[in-house]
Amino acid sequence: MDLEKTTRMNYLFDFYQSLLTPKQQNYMSLYYLDDYSLGEIAESFQVSRQAVYDNIKRTEAMLEQYEEKLSLFKKFQERRELVHTLKSLLLKESDGNEVTQVLEKLEQLD
């Protein structure tokens, strides 16, 4: 499994898990957070491996749709970048104008 995709799915799951059904939450948690295989999940829930695969793929698509509409992860990333920029500016003691610009960008995210 691609590490970048796994990281993205973990973030999306963190942001949007309350919008998922308990079964979707269980499958995603076991697959992405606990690193269970499809077969192990299928055995635990007494369903086919294909049923688990289909459920996970549908849930991934749902999480991407939520992100497309709500942009919580995108805003989180932007906020994190701006905070990093702010820290850098403060450490190098830049002029207040740069710091003010970054703070304004942070405020616009909300």
PDB file of N, CA and C in Angstrom:
ATOM      1  N   MET A   1       0.849  -1.188   0.000  1.00  0.00           N
ATOM      2  CA  MET A   1       0.000   0.000   0.000  1.00  0.00           C
ATOM      3  C   MET A   1       0.892   1.248   0.000  1.00  0.00           C
ATOM      4  N   ASP A   2       0.497   2.225  -0.743  1.00  0.00           N
ATOM      5  CA  ASP A   2       1.234   3.473  -0.886  1.00  0.00           C
ATOM      6  C   ASP A   2       1.190   4.265   0.427  1.00  0.00           C
ATOM      7  N   LEU A   3       2.359   4.656   0.919  1.00  0.00           N
ATOM      8  CA  LEU A   3       2.450   5.368   2.196  1.00  0.00           C
ATOM      9  C   LEU A   3       1.728   6.715   2.141  1.00  0.00           C
ATOM     10  N   GLU A   4       1.854   7.415   1.024  1.00  0.00           N
ATOM     11  CA  GLU A   4       1.197   8.718   0.880  1.00  0.00           C
ATOM     12  C   GLU A   4      -0.332   8.580   0.944  1.00  0.00           C
ATOM     13  N   LYS A   5      -0.857   7.544   0.273  1.00  0.00           N
ATOM     14  CA  LYS A   5      -2.304   7.315   0.302  1.00  0.00           C
ATOM     15  C   LYS A   5      -2.758   6.936   1.716  1.00  0.00           C
ATOM     16  N   THR A   6      -1.967   6.089   2.364  1.00  0.00           N
ATOM     17  CA  THR A   6      -2.306   5.671   3.726  1.00  0.00           C
ATOM     18  C   THR A   6      -2.347   6.874   4.661  1.00  0.00           C
ATOM     19  N   THR A   7      -1.361   7.731   4.558  1.00  0.00           N
ATOM     20  CA  THR A   7      -1.313   8.929   5.404  1.00  0.00           C
ATOM     21  C   THR A   7      -2.522   9.818   5.133  1.00  0.00           C
ATOM     22  N   ARG A   8      -2.834  10.015   3.854  1.00  0.00           N
ATOM     23  CA  ARG A   8      -3.991  10.848   3.495  1.00  0.00           C
ATOM     24  C   ARG A   8      -5.283  10.245   4.047  1.00  0.00           C
ATOM     25  N   MET A   9      -5.466   8.938   3.871  1.00  0.00           N
ATOM     26  CA  MET A   9      -6.682   8.280   4.358  1.00  0.00           C
ATOM     27  C   MET A   9      -6.777   8.372   5.877  1.00  0.00           C
ATOM     28  N   ASN A  10      -5.657   8.250   6.566  1.00  0.00           N
ATOM     29  CA  ASN A  10      -5.671   8.383   8.024  1.00  0.00           C
ATOM     30  C   ASN A  10      -6.123   9.772   8.442  1.00  0.00           C
ATOM     31  N   TYR A  11      -5.623  10.803   7.752  1.00  0.00           N
ATOM     32  CA  TYR A  11      -6.061  12.166   8.061  1.00  0.00           C
ATOM     33  C   TYR A  11      -7.543  12.351   7.750  1.00  0.00           C
ATOM     34  N   LEU A  12      -7.963  11.901   6.569  1.00  0.00           N
ATOM     35  CA  LEU A  12      -9.369  12.052   6.206  1.00  0.00           C
ATOM     36  C   LEU A  12     -10.262  11.306   7.191  1.00  0.00           C
ATOM     37  N   PHE A  13      -9.826  10.125   7.592  1.00  0.00           N
ATOM     38  CA  PHE A  13     -10.581   9.348   8.573  1.00  0.00           C
ATOM     39  C   PHE A  13     -10.684  10.108   9.893  1.00  0.00           C
ATOM     40  N   ASP A  14      -9.581  10.719  10.321  1.00  0.00           N
ATOM     41  CA  ASP A  14      -9.608  11.512  11.560  1.00  0.00           C
ATOM     42  C   ASP A  14     -10.628  12.647  11.470  1.00  0.00           C
ATOM     43  N   PHE A  15     -10.639  13.333  10.337  1.00  0.00           N
ATOM     44  CA  PHE A  15     -11.531  14.478  10.184  1.00  0.00           C
ATOM     45  C   PHE A  15     -12.994  14.088  10.007  1.00  0.00           C
ATOM     46  N   TYR A  16     -13.258  13.004   9.308  1.00  0.00           N
ATOM     47  CA  TYR A  16     -14.633  12.705   8.895  1.00  0.00           C
ATOM     48  C   TYR A  16     -15.211  11.402   9.455  1.00  0.00           C
ATOM     49  N   GLN A  17     -14.531  10.757  10.371  1.00  0.00           N
ATOM     50  CA  GLN A  17     -15.016   9.457  10.848  1.00  0.00           C
ATOM     51  C   GLN A  17     -16.403   9.515  11.479  1.00  0.00           C
ATOM     52  N   SER A  18     -16.754  10.635  12.060  1.00  0.00           N
ATOM     53  CA  SER A  18     -18.077  10.737  12.694  1.00  0.00           C
ATOM     54  C   SER A  18     -19.204  10.718  11.655  1.00  0.00           C
ATOM     55  N   LEU A  19     -18.869  10.909  10.389  1.00  0.00           N
ATOM     56  CA  LEU A  19     -19.868  10.868   9.323  1.00  0.00           C
ATOM     57  C   LEU A  19     -20.049   9.460   8.758  1.00  0.00           C
ATOM     58  N   LEU A  20     -19.253   8.516   9.232  1.00  0.00           N
ATOM     59  CA  LEU A  20     -19.305   7.145   8.736  1.00  0.00           C
ATOM     60  C   LEU A  20     -20.143   6.261   9.647  1.00  0.00           C
ATOM     61  N   THR A  21     -20.611   5.159   9.095  1.00  0.00           N
ATOM     62  CA  THR A  21     -21.336   4.179   9.907  1.00  0.00           C
ATOM     63  C   THR A  21     -20.341   3.447  10.807  1.00  0.00           C
ATOM     64  N   PRO A  22     -20.834   2.818  11.866  1.00  0.00           N
ATOM     65  CA  PRO A  22     -19.921   2.054  12.733  1.00  0.00           C
ATOM     66  C   PRO A  22     -19.136   0.975  11.967  1.00  0.00           C
ATOM     67  N   LYS A  23     -19.783   0.306  11.020  1.00  0.00           N
ATOM     68  CA  LYS A  23     -19.096  -0.726  10.242  1.00  0.00           C
ATOM     69  C   LYS A  23     -17.976  -0.110   9.399  1.00  0.00           C
ATOM     70  N   GLN A  24     -18.254   1.013   8.757  1.00  0.00           N
ATOM     71  CA  GLN A  24     -17.232   1.693   7.968  1.00  0.00           C
ATOM     72  C   GLN A  24     -16.075   2.133   8.867  1.00  0.00           C
ATOM     73  N   GLN A  25     -16.405   2.651  10.031  1.00  0.00           N
ATOM     74  CA  GLN A  25     -15.363   3.064  10.976  1.00  0.00           C
ATOM     75  C   GLN A  25     -14.493   1.879  11.375  1.00  0.00           C
ATOM     76  N   ASN A  26     -15.126   0.746  11.666  1.00  0.00           N
ATOM     77  CA  ASN A  26     -14.373  -0.447  12.066  1.00  0.00           C
ATOM     78  C   ASN A  26     -13.445  -0.921  10.954  1.00  0.00           C
ATOM     79  N   TYR A  27     -13.971  -1.055   9.744  1.00  0.00           N
ATOM     80  CA  TYR A  27     -13.165  -1.527   8.623  1.00  0.00           C
ATOM     81  C   TYR A  27     -11.987  -0.596   8.357  1.00  0.00           C
ATOM     82  N   MET A  28     -12.251   0.707   8.325  1.00  0.00           N
ATOM     83  CA  MET A  28     -11.191   1.671   8.028  1.00  0.00           C
ATOM     84  C   MET A  28     -10.147   1.692   9.143  1.00  0.00           C
ATOM     85  N   SER A  29     -10.596   1.631  10.371  1.00  0.00           N
ATOM     86  CA  SER A  29      -9.681   1.632  11.504  1.00  0.00           C
ATOM     87  C   SER A  29      -8.776   0.397  11.468  1.00  0.00           C
ATOM     88  N   LEU A  30      -9.375  -0.754  11.244  1.00  0.00           N
ATOM     89  CA  LEU A  30      -8.579  -1.981  11.202  1.00  0.00           C
ATOM     90  C   LEU A  30      -7.615  -1.977  10.020  1.00  0.00           C
ATOM     91  N   TYR A  31      -8.090  -1.528   8.867  1.00  0.00           N
ATOM     92  CA  TYR A  31      -7.274  -1.575   7.658  1.00  0.00           C
ATOM     93  C   TYR A  31      -6.158  -0.532   7.661  1.00  0.00           C
ATOM     94  N   TYR A  32      -6.493   0.703   7.977  1.00  0.00           N
ATOM     95  CA  TYR A  32      -5.505   1.783   7.883  1.00  0.00           C
ATOM     96  C   TYR A  32      -4.726   2.041   9.171  1.00  0.00           C
ATOM     97  N   LEU A  33      -5.388   1.950  10.304  1.00  0.00           N
ATOM     98  CA  LEU A  33      -4.695   2.259  11.553  1.00  0.00           C
ATOM     99  C   LEU A  33      -4.002   1.034  12.163  1.00  0.00           C
ATOM    100  N   ASP A  34      -4.676  -0.116  12.103  1.00  0.00           N
ATOM    101  CA  ASP A  34      -4.132  -1.321  12.732  1.00  0.00           C
ATOM    102  C   ASP A  34      -3.419  -2.238  11.741  1.00  0.00           C
ATOM    103  N   ASP A  35      -3.443  -1.882  10.455  1.00  0.00           N
ATOM    104  CA  ASP A  35      -2.729  -2.609   9.404  1.00  0.00           C
ATOM    105  C   ASP A  35      -3.187  -4.063   9.257  1.00  0.00           C
ATOM    106  N   TYR A  36      -4.479  -4.304   9.436  1.00  0.00           N
ATOM    107  CA  TYR A  36      -5.028  -5.636   9.198  1.00  0.00           C
ATOM    108  C   TYR A  36      -5.138  -5.861   7.697  1.00  0.00           C
ATOM    109  N   SER A  37      -5.023  -7.092   7.282  1.00  0.00           N
ATOM    110  CA  SER A  37      -5.233  -7.427   5.875  1.00  0.00           C
ATOM    111  C   SER A  37      -6.739  -7.547   5.627  1.00  0.00           C
ATOM    112  N   LEU A  38      -7.118  -7.536   4.357  1.00  0.00           N
ATOM    113  CA  LEU A  38      -8.538  -7.706   4.014  1.00  0.00           C
ATOM    114  C   LEU A  38      -9.047  -9.042   4.527  1.00  0.00           C
ATOM    115  N   GLY A  39      -8.214 -10.072   4.413  1.00  0.00           N
ATOM    116  CA  GLY A  39      -8.602 -11.402   4.890  1.00  0.00           C
ATOM    117  C   GLY A  39      -8.828 -11.445   6.392  1.00  0.00           C
ATOM    118  N   GLU A  40      -7.976 -10.764   7.137  1.00  0.00           N
ATOM    119  CA  GLU A  40      -8.118 -10.734   8.595  1.00  0.00           C
ATOM    120  C   GLU A  40      -9.396 -10.011   9.010  1.00  0.00           C
ATOM    121  N   ILE A  41      -9.704  -8.926   8.315  1.00  0.00           N
ATOM    122  CA  ILE A  41     -10.936  -8.186   8.616  1.00  0.00           C
ATOM    123  C   ILE A  41     -12.143  -9.042   8.260  1.00  0.00           C
ATOM    124  N   ALA A  42     -12.083  -9.683   7.103  1.00  0.00           N
ATOM    125  CA  ALA A  42     -13.188 -10.540   6.653  1.00  0.00           C
ATOM    126  C   ALA A  42     -13.447 -11.659   7.661  1.00  0.00           C
ATOM    127  N   GLU A  43     -12.387 -12.253   8.149  1.00  0.00           N
ATOM    128  CA  GLU A  43     -12.518 -13.332   9.128  1.00  0.00           C
ATOM    129  C   GLU A  43     -13.140 -12.819  10.427  1.00  0.00           C
ATOM    130  N   SER A  44     -12.716 -11.643  10.869  1.00  0.00           N
ATOM    131  CA  SER A  44     -13.245 -11.070  12.107  1.00  0.00           C
ATOM    132  C   SER A  44     -14.742 -10.785  12.034  1.00  0.00           C
ATOM    133  N   PHE A  45     -15.199 -10.360  10.861  1.00  0.00           N
ATOM    134  CA  PHE A  45     -16.607  -9.982  10.701  1.00  0.00           C
ATOM    135  C   PHE A  45     -17.431 -11.067  10.006  1.00  0.00           C
ATOM    136  N   GLN A  46     -16.793 -12.179   9.707  1.00  0.00           N
ATOM    137  CA  GLN A  46     -17.444 -13.311   9.047  1.00  0.00           C
ATOM    138  C   GLN A  46     -18.150 -12.893   7.754  1.00  0.00           C
ATOM    139  N   VAL A  47     -17.404 -12.167   6.922  1.00  0.00           N
ATOM    140  CA  VAL A  47     -17.876 -11.778   5.594  1.00  0.00           C
ATOM    141  C   VAL A  47     -16.771 -12.130   4.603  1.00  0.00           C
ATOM    142  N   SER A  48     -17.071 -11.955   3.323  1.00  0.00           N
ATOM    143  CA  SER A  48     -16.062 -12.270   2.315  1.00  0.00           C
ATOM    144  C   SER A  48     -15.006 -11.169   2.240  1.00  0.00           C
ATOM    145  N   ARG A  49     -13.854 -11.546   1.742  1.00  0.00           N
ATOM    146  CA  ARG A  49     -12.774 -10.583   1.531  1.00  0.00           C
ATOM    147  C   ARG A  49     -13.228  -9.504   0.551  1.00  0.00           C
ATOM    148  N   GLN A  50     -13.992  -9.914  -0.456  1.00  0.00           N
ATOM    149  CA  GLN A  50     -14.506  -8.968  -1.461  1.00  0.00           C
ATOM    150  C   GLN A  50     -15.459  -7.950  -0.827  1.00  0.00           C
ATOM    151  N   ALA A  51     -16.267  -8.387   0.127  1.00  0.00           N
ATOM    152  CA  ALA A  51     -17.187  -7.466   0.808  1.00  0.00           C
ATOM    153  C   ALA A  51     -16.404  -6.400   1.572  1.00  0.00           C
ATOM    154  N   VAL A  52     -15.328  -6.805   2.221  1.00  0.00           N
ATOM    155  CA  VAL A  52     -14.489  -5.851   2.962  1.00  0.00           C
ATOM    156  C   VAL A  52     -13.836  -4.880   1.980  1.00  0.00           C
ATOM    157  N   TYR A  53     -13.286  -5.423   0.893  1.00  0.00           N
ATOM    158  CA  TYR A  53     -12.633  -4.591  -0.122  1.00  0.00           C
ATOM    159  C   TYR A  53     -13.605  -3.554  -0.679  1.00  0.00           C
ATOM    160  N   ASP A  54     -14.787  -3.990  -1.054  1.00  0.00           N
ATOM    161  CA  ASP A  54     -15.796  -3.081  -1.614  1.00  0.00           C
ATOM    162  C   ASP A  54     -16.175  -1.991  -0.612  1.00  0.00           C
ATOM    163  N   ASN A  55     -16.362  -2.389   0.637  1.00  0.00           N
ATOM    164  CA  ASN A  55     -16.735  -1.423   1.670  1.00  0.00           C
ATOM    165  C   ASN A  55     -15.632  -0.386   1.867  1.00  0.00           C
ATOM    166  N   ILE A  56     -14.390  -0.827   1.906  1.00  0.00           N
ATOM    167  CA  ILE A  56     -13.272   0.099   2.100  1.00  0.00           C
ATOM    168  C   ILE A  56     -13.156   1.049   0.909  1.00  0.00           C
ATOM    169  N   LYS A  57     -13.286   0.530  -0.313  1.00  0.00           N
ATOM    170  CA  LYS A  57     -13.200   1.380  -1.508  1.00  0.00           C
ATOM    171  C   LYS A  57     -14.322   2.419  -1.531  1.00  0.00           C
ATOM    172  N   ARG A  58     -15.524   2.011  -1.190  1.00  0.00           N
ATOM    173  CA  ARG A  58     -16.656   2.959  -1.132  1.00  0.00           C
ATOM    174  C   ARG A  58     -16.409   4.016  -0.057  1.00  0.00           C
ATOM    175  N   THR A  59     -15.896   3.587   1.085  1.00  0.00           N
ATOM    176  CA  THR A  59     -15.638   4.517   2.182  1.00  0.00           C
ATOM    177  C   THR A  59     -14.537   5.503   1.813  1.00  0.00           C
ATOM    178  N   GLU A  60     -13.498   5.022   1.143  1.00  0.00           N
ATOM    179  CA  GLU A  60     -12.439   5.927   0.679  1.00  0.00           C
ATOM    180  C   GLU A  60     -13.017   6.996  -0.245  1.00  0.00           C
ATOM    181  N   ALA A  61     -13.883   6.577  -1.161  1.00  0.00           N
ATOM    182  CA  ALA A  61     -14.512   7.527  -2.091  1.00  0.00           C
ATOM    183  C   ALA A  61     -15.369   8.539  -1.326  1.00  0.00           C
ATOM    184  N   MET A  62     -16.088   8.069  -0.324  1.00  0.00           N
ATOM    185  CA  MET A  62     -16.908   8.969   0.492  1.00  0.00           C
ATOM    186  C   MET A  62     -16.038   9.996   1.209  1.00  0.00           C
ATOM    187  N   LEU A  63     -14.928   9.532   1.788  1.00  0.00           N
ATOM    188  CA  LEU A  63     -14.030  10.447   2.497  1.00  0.00           C
ATOM    189  C   LEU A  63     -13.477  11.513   1.546  1.00  0.00           C
ATOM    190  N   GLU A  64     -13.142  11.105   0.334  1.00  0.00           N
ATOM    191  CA  GLU A  64     -12.648  12.069  -0.659  1.00  0.00           C
ATOM    192  C   GLU A  64     -13.743  13.072  -1.034  1.00  0.00           C
ATOM    193  N   GLN A  65     -14.987  12.602  -1.123  1.00  0.00           N
ATOM    194  CA  GLN A  65     -16.105  13.512  -1.424  1.00  0.00           C
ATOM    195  C   GLN A  65     -16.319  14.504  -0.283  1.00  0.00           C
ATOM    196  N   TYR A  66     -16.247  14.035   0.939  1.00  0.00           N
ATOM    197  CA  TYR A  66     -16.379  14.940   2.085  1.00  0.00           C
ATOM    198  C   TYR A  66     -15.286  16.004   2.046  1.00  0.00           C
ATOM    199  N   GLU A  67     -14.067  15.568   1.738  1.00  0.00           N
ATOM    200  CA  GLU A  67     -12.952  16.514   1.684  1.00  0.00           C
ATOM    201  C   GLU A  67     -13.148  17.523   0.557  1.00  0.00           C
ATOM    202  N   GLU A  68     -13.652  17.046  -0.571  1.00  0.00           N
ATOM    203  CA  GLU A  68     -13.901  17.942  -1.707  1.00  0.00           C
ATOM    204  C   GLU A  68     -14.901  19.038  -1.328  1.00  0.00           C
ATOM    205  N   LYS A  69     -15.893  18.670  -0.530  1.00  0.00           N
ATOM    206  CA  LYS A  69     -16.936  19.624  -0.150  1.00  0.00           C
ATOM    207  C   LYS A  69     -16.549  20.494   1.047  1.00  0.00           C
ATOM    208  N   LEU A  70     -15.859  19.911   2.027  1.00  0.00           N
ATOM    209  CA  LEU A  70     -15.605  20.618   3.282  1.00  0.00           C
ATOM    210  C   LEU A  70     -14.174  21.139   3.435  1.00  0.00           C
ATOM    211  N   SER A  71     -13.237  20.532   2.758  1.00  0.00           N
ATOM    212  CA  SER A  71     -11.822  20.956   2.744  1.00  0.00           C
ATOM    213  C   SER A  71     -11.173  21.057   4.122  1.00  0.00           C
ATOM    214  N   LEU A  72     -11.564  20.226   5.053  1.00  0.00           N
ATOM    215  CA  LEU A  72     -10.973  20.293   6.394  1.00  0.00           C
ATOM    216  C   LEU A  72      -9.491  19.927   6.385  1.00  0.00           C
ATOM    217  N   PHE A  73      -9.131  18.901   5.631  1.00  0.00           N
ATOM    218  CA  PHE A  73      -7.737  18.478   5.567  1.00  0.00           C
ATOM    219  C   PHE A  73      -6.891  19.520   4.845  1.00  0.00           C
ATOM    220  N   LYS A  74      -7.399  20.065   3.767  1.00  0.00           N
ATOM    221  CA  LYS A  74      -6.676  21.094   3.020  1.00  0.00           C
ATOM    222  C   LYS A  74      -6.411  22.318   3.906  1.00  0.00           C
ATOM    223  N   LYS A  75      -7.426  22.744   4.631  1.00  0.00           N
ATOM    224  CA  LYS A  75      -7.264  23.894   5.527  1.00  0.00           C
ATOM    225  C   LYS A  75      -6.279  23.577   6.654  1.00  0.00           C
ATOM    226  N   PHE A  76      -6.315  22.352   7.142  1.00  0.00           N
ATOM    227  CA  PHE A  76      -5.377  21.918   8.172  1.00  0.00           C
ATOM    228  C   PHE A  76      -3.946  22.029   7.655  1.00  0.00           C
ATOM    229  N   GLN A  77      -3.713  21.550   6.437  1.00  0.00           N
ATOM    230  CA  GLN A  77      -2.375  21.622   5.848  1.00  0.00           C
ATOM    231  C   GLN A  77      -1.930  23.070   5.649  1.00  0.00           C
ATOM    232  N   GLU A  78      -2.832  23.896   5.155  1.00  0.00           N
ATOM    233  CA  GLU A  78      -2.504  25.307   4.950  1.00  0.00           C
ATOM    234  C   GLU A  78      -2.188  25.989   6.266  1.00  0.00           C
ATOM    235  N   ARG A  79      -2.989  25.690   7.272  1.00  0.00           N
ATOM    236  CA  ARG A  79      -2.786  26.278   8.594  1.00  0.00           C
ATOM    237  C   ARG A  79      -1.431  25.854   9.159  1.00  0.00           C
ATOM    238  N   ARG A  80      -1.099  24.590   8.984  1.00  0.00           N
ATOM    239  CA  ARG A  80       0.175  24.069   9.475  1.00  0.00           C
ATOM    240  C   ARG A  80       1.357  24.755   8.767  1.00  0.00           C
ATOM    241  N   GLU A  81       1.233  24.958   7.467  1.00  0.00           N
ATOM    242  CA  GLU A  81       2.283  25.660   6.711  1.00  0.00           C
ATOM    243  C   GLU A  81       2.443  27.101   7.182  1.00  0.00           C
ATOM    244  N   LEU A  82       1.323  27.768   7.403  1.00  0.00           N
ATOM    245  CA  LEU A  82       1.380  29.159   7.847  1.00  0.00           C
ATOM    246  C   LEU A  82       1.980  29.283   9.245  1.00  0.00           C
ATOM    247  N   VAL A  83       1.652  28.362  10.111  1.00  0.00           N
ATOM    248  CA  VAL A  83       2.231  28.375  11.458  1.00  0.00           C
ATOM    249  C   VAL A  83       3.741  28.159  11.367  1.00  0.00           C
ATOM    250  N   HIS A  84       4.168  27.263  10.504  1.00  0.00           N
ATOM    251  CA  HIS A  84       5.598  27.030  10.306  1.00  0.00           C
ATOM    252  C   HIS A  84       6.283  28.300   9.789  1.00  0.00           C
ATOM    253  N   THR A  85       5.645  28.958   8.842  1.00  0.00           N
ATOM    254  CA  THR A  85       6.182  30.213   8.300  1.00  0.00           C
ATOM    255  C   THR A  85       6.276  31.267   9.397  1.00  0.00           C
ATOM    256  N   LEU A  86       5.232  31.358  10.205  1.00  0.00           N
ATOM    257  CA  LEU A  86       5.240  32.320  11.314  1.00  0.00           C
ATOM    258  C   LEU A  86       6.398  32.063  12.270  1.00  0.00           C
ATOM    259  N   LYS A  87       6.598  30.818  12.628  1.00  0.00           N
ATOM    260  CA  LYS A  87       7.690  30.467  13.535  1.00  0.00           C
ATOM    261  C   LYS A  87       9.030  30.882  12.933  1.00  0.00           C
ATOM    262  N   SER A  88       9.187  30.602  11.645  1.00  0.00           N
ATOM    263  CA  SER A  88      10.440  30.975  10.975  1.00  0.00           C
ATOM    264  C   SER A  88      10.647  32.477  10.987  1.00  0.00           C
ATOM    265  N   LEU A  89       9.595  33.219  10.698  1.00  0.00           N
ATOM    266  CA  LEU A  89       9.699  34.679  10.684  1.00  0.00           C
ATOM    267  C   LEU A  89      10.026  35.236  12.059  1.00  0.00           C
ATOM    268  N   LEU A  90       9.403  34.659  13.072  1.00  0.00           N
ATOM    269  CA  LEU A  90       9.651  35.135  14.433  1.00  0.00           C
ATOM    270  C   LEU A  90      11.067  34.805  14.900  1.00  0.00           C
ATOM    271  N   LEU A  91      11.571  33.641  14.481  1.00  0.00           N
ATOM    272  CA  LEU A  91      12.931  33.253  14.875  1.00  0.00           C
ATOM    273  C   LEU A  91      13.982  34.127  14.219  1.00  0.00           C
ATOM    274  N   LYS A  92      13.723  34.538  12.985  1.00  0.00           N
ATOM    275  CA  LYS A  92      14.720  35.386  12.323  1.00  0.00           C
ATOM    276  C   LYS A  92      14.452  36.878  12.551  1.00  0.00           C
ATOM    277  N   GLU A  93      13.473  37.148  13.377  1.00  0.00           N
ATOM    278  CA  GLU A  93      13.124  38.520  13.764  1.00  0.00           C
ATOM    279  C   GLU A  93      12.913  39.428  12.550  1.00  0.00           C
ATOM    280  N   SER A  94      12.039  38.966  11.654  1.00  0.00           N
ATOM    281  CA  SER A  94      11.727  39.776  10.472  1.00  0.00           C
ATOM    282  C   SER A  94      10.846  40.952  10.873  1.00  0.00           C
ATOM    283  N   ASP A  95      10.594  41.811   9.904  1.00  0.00           N
ATOM    284  CA  ASP A  95       9.767  42.977  10.236  1.00  0.00           C
ATOM    285  C   ASP A  95       8.324  42.546  10.490  1.00  0.00           C
ATOM    286  N   GLY A  96       7.605  43.351  11.198  1.00  0.00           N
ATOM    287  CA  GLY A  96       6.232  43.045  11.590  1.00  0.00           C
ATOM    288  C   GLY A  96       5.280  42.920  10.422  1.00  0.00           C
ATOM    289  N   ASN A  97       5.627  43.498   9.291  1.00  0.00           N
ATOM    290  CA  ASN A  97       4.753  43.455   8.118  1.00  0.00           C
ATOM    291  C   ASN A  97       4.578  42.028   7.595  1.00  0.00           C
ATOM    292  N   GLU A  98       5.676  41.263   7.524  1.00  0.00           N
ATOM    293  CA  GLU A  98       5.595  39.875   7.061  1.00  0.00           C
ATOM    294  C   GLU A  98       4.760  39.030   8.012  1.00  0.00           C
ATOM    295  N   VAL A  99       4.977  39.215   9.301  1.00  0.00           N
ATOM    296  CA  VAL A  99       4.231  38.470  10.318  1.00  0.00           C
ATOM    297  C   VAL A  99       2.749  38.803  10.215  1.00  0.00           C
ATOM    298  N   THR A 100       2.430  40.067  10.032  1.00  0.00           N
ATOM    299  CA  THR A 100       1.037  40.499   9.898  1.00  0.00           C
ATOM    300  C   THR A 100       0.379  39.851   8.682  1.00  0.00           C
ATOM    301  N   GLN A 101       1.106  39.768   7.569  1.00  0.00           N
ATOM    302  CA  GLN A 101       0.560  39.150   6.353  1.00  0.00           C
ATOM    303  C   GLN A 101       0.238  37.674   6.581  1.00  0.00           C
ATOM    304  N   VAL A 102       1.129  36.963   7.239  1.00  0.00           N
ATOM    305  CA  VAL A 102       0.901  35.550   7.513  1.00  0.00           C
ATOM    306  C   VAL A 102      -0.278  35.381   8.466  1.00  0.00           C
ATOM    307  N   LEU A 103      -0.374  36.225   9.480  1.00  0.00           N
ATOM    308  CA  LEU A 103      -1.501  36.161  10.411  1.00  0.00           C
ATOM    309  C   LEU A 103      -2.839  36.411   9.699  1.00  0.00           C
ATOM    310  N   GLU A 104      -2.834  37.331   8.760  1.00  0.00           N
ATOM    311  CA  GLU A 104      -4.053  37.609   7.991  1.00  0.00           C
ATOM    312  C   GLU A 104      -4.455  36.382   7.158  1.00  0.00           C
ATOM    313  N   LYS A 105      -3.480  35.711   6.578  1.00  0.00           N
ATOM    314  CA  LYS A 105      -3.775  34.483   5.815  1.00  0.00           C
ATOM    315  C   LYS A 105      -4.372  33.412   6.729  1.00  0.00           C
ATOM    316  N   LEU A 106      -3.834  33.312   7.934  1.00  0.00           N
ATOM    317  CA  LEU A 106      -4.364  32.349   8.902  1.00  0.00           C
ATOM    318  C   LEU A 106      -5.824  32.668   9.246  1.00  0.00           C
ATOM    319  N   GLU A 107      -6.117  33.925   9.449  1.00  0.00           N
ATOM    320  CA  GLU A 107      -7.475  34.331   9.788  1.00  0.00           C
ATOM    321  C   GLU A 107      -8.439  34.047   8.639  1.00  0.00           C
ATOM    322  N   GLN A 108      -7.981  34.166   7.428  1.00  0.00           N
ATOM    323  CA  GLN A 108      -8.846  33.945   6.254  1.00  0.00           C
ATOM    324  C   GLN A 108      -9.231  32.478   6.092  1.00  0.00           C
ATOM    325  N   LEU A 109      -8.469  31.562   6.680  1.00  0.00           N
ATOM    326  CA  LEU A 109      -8.768  30.138   6.569  1.00  0.00           C
ATOM    327  C   LEU A 109     -10.038  29.751   7.328  1.00  0.00           C
ATOM    328  N   ASP A 110     -10.378  30.509   8.338  1.00  0.00           N
ATOM    329  CA  ASP A 110     -11.569  30.162   9.148  1.00  0.00           C
ATOM    330  C   ASP A 110     -12.822  30.719   8.594  1.00  0.00           C
TER     331      ASP A 110
END
